Amino acid sequence: MVTFKYVIKDELGIHARPAGLLVKEAGKLGSKITIEKGGKKGDAKKIFGLMGLGVKQNDEITVTVEGDTEEADADVIKTFLENNL
């Protein structure tokens, strides 16, 4: 299991467009990817799971990646977040 924290920089937080892109990116990966904020968890492969977290700008999220390729998949998600959120 790989876990890392990330602070959202996008002024709108995780809203529909980047959430859709994140779901698409996570869907390409074999690992289970969970995003947590304030005790609530959402599956990164399901848009409603992400949108339900209500992540705003400057919120810190915790990303957990579990699976056979978790190290590489965590790097992909980390890069995605840095480039899009």
N, C-alpha and C. Protein backbone atom coordinates (compact mmCIF):
# COMPACT_ATOMS: atom_id res chain seq x y z
N MET A 1 0.86 -1.18 0.00
CA MET A 1 0.00 0.00 0.00
C MET A 1 0.90 1.24 0.00
N VAL A 2 0.57 2.17 -0.88
CA VAL A 2 1.28 3.44 -0.97
C VAL A 2 0.30 4.55 -0.61
N THR A 3 0.71 5.44 0.29
CA THR A 3 -0.14 6.55 0.70
C THR A 3 0.65 7.84 0.58
N PHE A 4 -0.01 8.88 0.04
CA PHE A 4 0.62 10.20 0.02
C PHE A 4 -0.46 11.26 0.18
N LYS A 5 -0.01 12.44 0.60
CA LYS A 5 -0.92 13.57 0.79
C LYS A 5 -0.69 14.59 -0.32
N TYR A 6 -1.76 15.32 -0.66
CA TYR A 6 -1.65 16.34 -1.69
C TYR A 6 -2.61 17.48 -1.33
N VAL A 7 -2.15 18.72 -1.51
CA VAL A 7 -3.00 19.90 -1.28
C VAL A 7 -3.52 20.39 -2.62
N ILE A 8 -4.84 20.51 -2.73
CA ILE A 8 -5.48 20.92 -3.98
C ILE A 8 -5.22 22.40 -4.24
N LYS A 9 -4.69 22.70 -5.43
CA LYS A 9 -4.36 24.07 -5.80
C LYS A 9 -5.40 24.72 -6.71
N ASP A 10 -6.19 23.90 -7.40
CA ASP A 10 -7.21 24.42 -8.32
C ASP A 10 -8.19 25.29 -7.54
N GLU A 11 -8.48 26.48 -8.06
CA GLU A 11 -9.34 27.41 -7.32
C GLU A 11 -10.77 26.91 -7.15
N LEU A 12 -11.19 25.95 -7.96
CA LEU A 12 -12.53 25.38 -7.83
C LEU A 12 -12.53 24.03 -7.10
N GLY A 13 -11.35 23.57 -6.69
CA GLY A 13 -11.27 22.27 -6.03
C GLY A 13 -11.45 21.13 -7.02
N ILE A 14 -11.91 19.99 -6.53
CA ILE A 14 -12.19 18.86 -7.43
C ILE A 14 -13.62 19.03 -7.92
N HIS A 15 -13.75 19.66 -9.07
CA HIS A 15 -15.07 19.87 -9.68
C HIS A 15 -15.23 18.93 -10.86
N ALA A 16 -16.32 19.03 -11.59
CA ALA A 16 -16.70 18.03 -12.58
C ALA A 16 -15.62 17.72 -13.63
N ARG A 17 -15.03 18.72 -14.24
CA ARG A 17 -14.07 18.46 -15.32
C ARG A 17 -12.85 17.68 -14.83
N PRO A 18 -12.11 18.19 -13.82
CA PRO A 18 -10.95 17.42 -13.39
C PRO A 18 -11.32 16.10 -12.72
N ALA A 19 -12.48 16.03 -12.09
CA ALA A 19 -12.91 14.77 -11.49
C ALA A 19 -13.10 13.72 -12.58
N GLY A 20 -13.71 14.12 -13.68
CA GLY A 20 -13.90 13.21 -14.81
C GLY A 20 -12.58 12.74 -15.39
N LEU A 21 -11.63 13.66 -15.50
CA LEU A 21 -10.31 13.30 -16.00
C LEU A 21 -9.58 12.36 -15.05
N LEU A 22 -9.73 12.62 -13.75
CA LEU A 22 -9.09 11.76 -12.75
C LEU A 22 -9.68 10.36 -12.79
N VAL A 23 -10.99 10.25 -12.92
CA VAL A 23 -11.65 8.95 -13.00
C VAL A 23 -11.15 8.19 -14.23
N LYS A 24 -11.02 8.90 -15.35
CA LYS A 24 -10.54 8.28 -16.58
C LYS A 24 -9.10 7.79 -16.40
N GLU A 25 -8.26 8.62 -15.79
CA GLU A 25 -6.85 8.24 -15.57
C GLU A 25 -6.75 7.06 -14.60
N ALA A 26 -7.50 7.12 -13.51
CA ALA A 26 -7.47 6.04 -12.52
C ALA A 26 -7.99 4.73 -13.11
N GLY A 27 -8.96 4.84 -14.02
CA GLY A 27 -9.53 3.66 -14.65
C GLY A 27 -8.55 2.89 -15.50
N LYS A 28 -7.49 3.55 -15.94
CA LYS A 28 -6.46 2.90 -16.75
C LYS A 28 -5.51 2.05 -15.89
N LEU A 29 -5.56 2.28 -14.58
CA LEU A 29 -4.60 1.64 -13.68
C LEU A 29 -5.20 0.41 -13.01
N GLY A 30 -4.34 -0.54 -12.68
CA GLY A 30 -4.81 -1.79 -12.08
C GLY A 30 -5.05 -1.73 -10.58
N SER A 31 -4.48 -0.74 -9.92
CA SER A 31 -4.58 -0.65 -8.46
C SER A 31 -5.91 -0.06 -8.01
N LYS A 32 -6.26 -0.34 -6.77
CA LYS A 32 -7.40 0.31 -6.12
C LYS A 32 -6.90 1.65 -5.61
N ILE A 33 -7.60 2.73 -5.96
CA ILE A 33 -7.16 4.08 -5.58
C ILE A 33 -8.28 4.74 -4.79
N THR A 34 -7.95 5.14 -3.57
CA THR A 34 -8.93 5.77 -2.68
C THR A 34 -8.44 7.16 -2.31
N ILE A 35 -9.37 8.12 -2.34
CA ILE A 35 -9.05 9.48 -1.93
C ILE A 35 -9.86 9.79 -0.69
N GLU A 36 -9.19 10.35 0.32
CA GLU A 36 -9.84 10.65 1.60
C GLU A 36 -9.68 12.12 1.94
N LYS A 37 -10.76 12.70 2.43
CA LYS A 37 -10.73 14.08 2.93
C LYS A 37 -11.67 14.18 4.11
N GLY A 38 -11.16 14.63 5.23
CA GLY A 38 -12.00 14.84 6.41
C GLY A 38 -12.72 13.59 6.90
N GLY A 39 -12.09 12.45 6.79
CA GLY A 39 -12.71 11.22 7.27
C GLY A 39 -13.62 10.54 6.26
N LYS A 40 -13.92 11.20 5.14
CA LYS A 40 -14.74 10.62 4.09
C LYS A 40 -13.83 10.07 3.01
N LYS A 41 -14.19 8.90 2.48
CA LYS A 41 -13.38 8.26 1.44
C LYS A 41 -14.19 8.10 0.17
N GLY A 42 -13.48 8.21 -0.96
CA GLY A 42 -14.12 8.02 -2.25
C GLY A 42 -13.22 7.21 -3.17
N ASP A 43 -13.84 6.38 -4.00
CA ASP A 43 -13.12 5.59 -4.99
C ASP A 43 -12.75 6.51 -6.15
N ALA A 44 -11.46 6.58 -6.49
CA ALA A 44 -11.00 7.47 -7.56
C ALA A 44 -11.47 7.02 -8.93
N LYS A 45 -12.06 5.84 -9.02
CA LYS A 45 -12.56 5.35 -10.31
C LYS A 45 -14.05 5.61 -10.48
N LYS A 46 -14.65 6.33 -9.53
CA LYS A 46 -16.09 6.62 -9.59
C LYS A 46 -16.30 8.12 -9.35
N ILE A 47 -16.89 8.79 -10.33
CA ILE A 47 -17.01 10.25 -10.27
C ILE A 47 -17.86 10.70 -9.08
N PHE A 48 -18.92 9.97 -8.77
CA PHE A 48 -19.76 10.39 -7.64
C PHE A 48 -19.03 10.22 -6.31
N GLY A 49 -18.13 9.24 -6.25
CA GLY A 49 -17.32 9.07 -5.06
C GLY A 49 -16.40 10.26 -4.82
N LEU A 50 -15.86 10.80 -5.91
CA LEU A 50 -14.98 11.97 -5.80
C LEU A 50 -15.76 13.24 -5.52
N MET A 51 -16.84 13.45 -6.25
CA MET A 51 -17.62 14.68 -6.11
C MET A 51 -18.24 14.76 -4.72
N GLY A 52 -18.58 13.62 -4.14
CA GLY A 52 -19.20 13.58 -2.82
C GLY A 52 -18.27 14.01 -1.69
N LEU A 53 -16.97 14.06 -1.97
CA LEU A 53 -16.02 14.48 -0.94
C LEU A 53 -16.03 15.99 -0.71
N GLY A 54 -16.48 16.75 -1.71
CA GLY A 54 -16.55 18.21 -1.57
C GLY A 54 -15.19 18.86 -1.37
N VAL A 55 -14.20 18.44 -2.15
CA VAL A 55 -12.84 18.94 -1.98
C VAL A 55 -12.72 20.34 -2.60
N LYS A 56 -12.25 21.28 -1.80
CA LYS A 56 -12.08 22.69 -2.22
C LYS A 56 -10.60 23.04 -2.33
N GLN A 57 -10.33 24.22 -2.85
CA GLN A 57 -8.95 24.71 -2.94
C GLN A 57 -8.33 24.74 -1.54
N ASN A 58 -7.07 24.37 -1.46
CA ASN A 58 -6.26 24.32 -0.23
C ASN A 58 -6.63 23.18 0.72
N ASP A 59 -7.57 22.32 0.34
CA ASP A 59 -7.87 21.13 1.15
C ASP A 59 -6.77 20.10 0.92
N GLU A 60 -6.40 19.40 1.99
CA GLU A 60 -5.42 18.32 1.87
C GLU A 60 -6.16 17.00 1.74
N ILE A 61 -5.80 16.25 0.72
CA ILE A 61 -6.39 14.92 0.53
C ILE A 61 -5.30 13.88 0.79
N THR A 62 -5.75 12.69 1.15
CA THR A 62 -4.85 11.55 1.30
C THR A 62 -5.22 10.54 0.23
N VAL A 63 -4.23 10.15 -0.55
CA VAL A 63 -4.43 9.19 -1.63
C VAL A 63 -3.80 7.87 -1.22
N THR A 64 -4.57 6.79 -1.31
CA THR A 64 -4.09 5.46 -1.00
C THR A 64 -4.19 4.60 -2.25
N VAL A 65 -3.09 3.94 -2.59
CA VAL A 65 -3.03 3.10 -3.79
C VAL A 65 -2.64 1.69 -3.34
N GLU A 66 -3.47 0.70 -3.72
CA GLU A 66 -3.21 -0.68 -3.34
C GLU A 66 -3.30 -1.58 -4.57
N GLY A 67 -2.30 -2.42 -4.76
CA GLY A 67 -2.33 -3.36 -5.88
C GLY A 67 -0.94 -3.82 -6.27
N ASP A 68 -0.88 -4.66 -7.28
CA ASP A 68 0.40 -5.22 -7.72
C ASP A 68 1.34 -4.17 -8.29
N THR A 69 0.78 -3.11 -8.86
CA THR A 69 1.61 -2.06 -9.48
C THR A 69 1.44 -0.74 -8.74
N GLU A 70 1.27 -0.81 -7.42
CA GLU A 70 0.91 0.37 -6.64
C GLU A 70 1.95 1.49 -6.70
N GLU A 71 3.23 1.16 -6.72
CA GLU A 71 4.26 2.20 -6.77
C GLU A 71 4.15 3.02 -8.05
N ALA A 72 4.09 2.33 -9.17
CA ALA A 72 3.99 3.02 -10.47
C ALA A 72 2.66 3.76 -10.59
N ASP A 73 1.58 3.14 -10.13
CA ASP A 73 0.26 3.77 -10.21
C ASP A 73 0.19 5.01 -9.33
N ALA A 74 0.83 4.97 -8.16
CA ALA A 74 0.86 6.14 -7.27
C ALA A 74 1.58 7.29 -7.95
N ASP A 75 2.66 6.98 -8.67
CA ASP A 75 3.40 8.02 -9.40
C ASP A 75 2.53 8.65 -10.48
N VAL A 76 1.73 7.83 -11.18
CA VAL A 76 0.84 8.34 -12.23
C VAL A 76 -0.19 9.29 -11.62
N ILE A 77 -0.80 8.89 -10.51
CA ILE A 77 -1.82 9.72 -9.87
C ILE A 77 -1.21 11.00 -9.31
N LYS A 78 -0.03 10.90 -8.70
CA LYS A 78 0.64 12.07 -8.15
C LYS A 78 0.94 13.08 -9.27
N THR A 79 1.44 12.60 -10.39
CA THR A 79 1.73 13.46 -11.54
C THR A 79 0.45 14.10 -12.07
N PHE A 80 -0.63 13.30 -12.14
CA PHE A 80 -1.91 13.84 -12.61
C PHE A 80 -2.38 14.99 -11.71
N LEU A 81 -2.32 14.76 -10.40
CA LEU A 81 -2.77 15.78 -9.45
C LEU A 81 -1.94 17.06 -9.60
N GLU A 82 -0.64 16.91 -9.71
CA GLU A 82 0.24 18.08 -9.83
C GLU A 82 -0.04 18.87 -11.11
N ASN A 83 -0.38 18.17 -12.18
CA ASN A 83 -0.62 18.83 -13.47
C ASN A 83 -2.04 19.38 -13.63
N ASN A 84 -3.00 18.85 -12.88
CA ASN A 84 -4.41 19.22 -13.09
C ASN A 84 -5.12 19.82 -11.89
N LEU A 85 -4.65 19.57 -10.69
CA LEU A 85 -5.36 20.04 -9.51
C LEU A 85 -4.40 20.70 -8.54
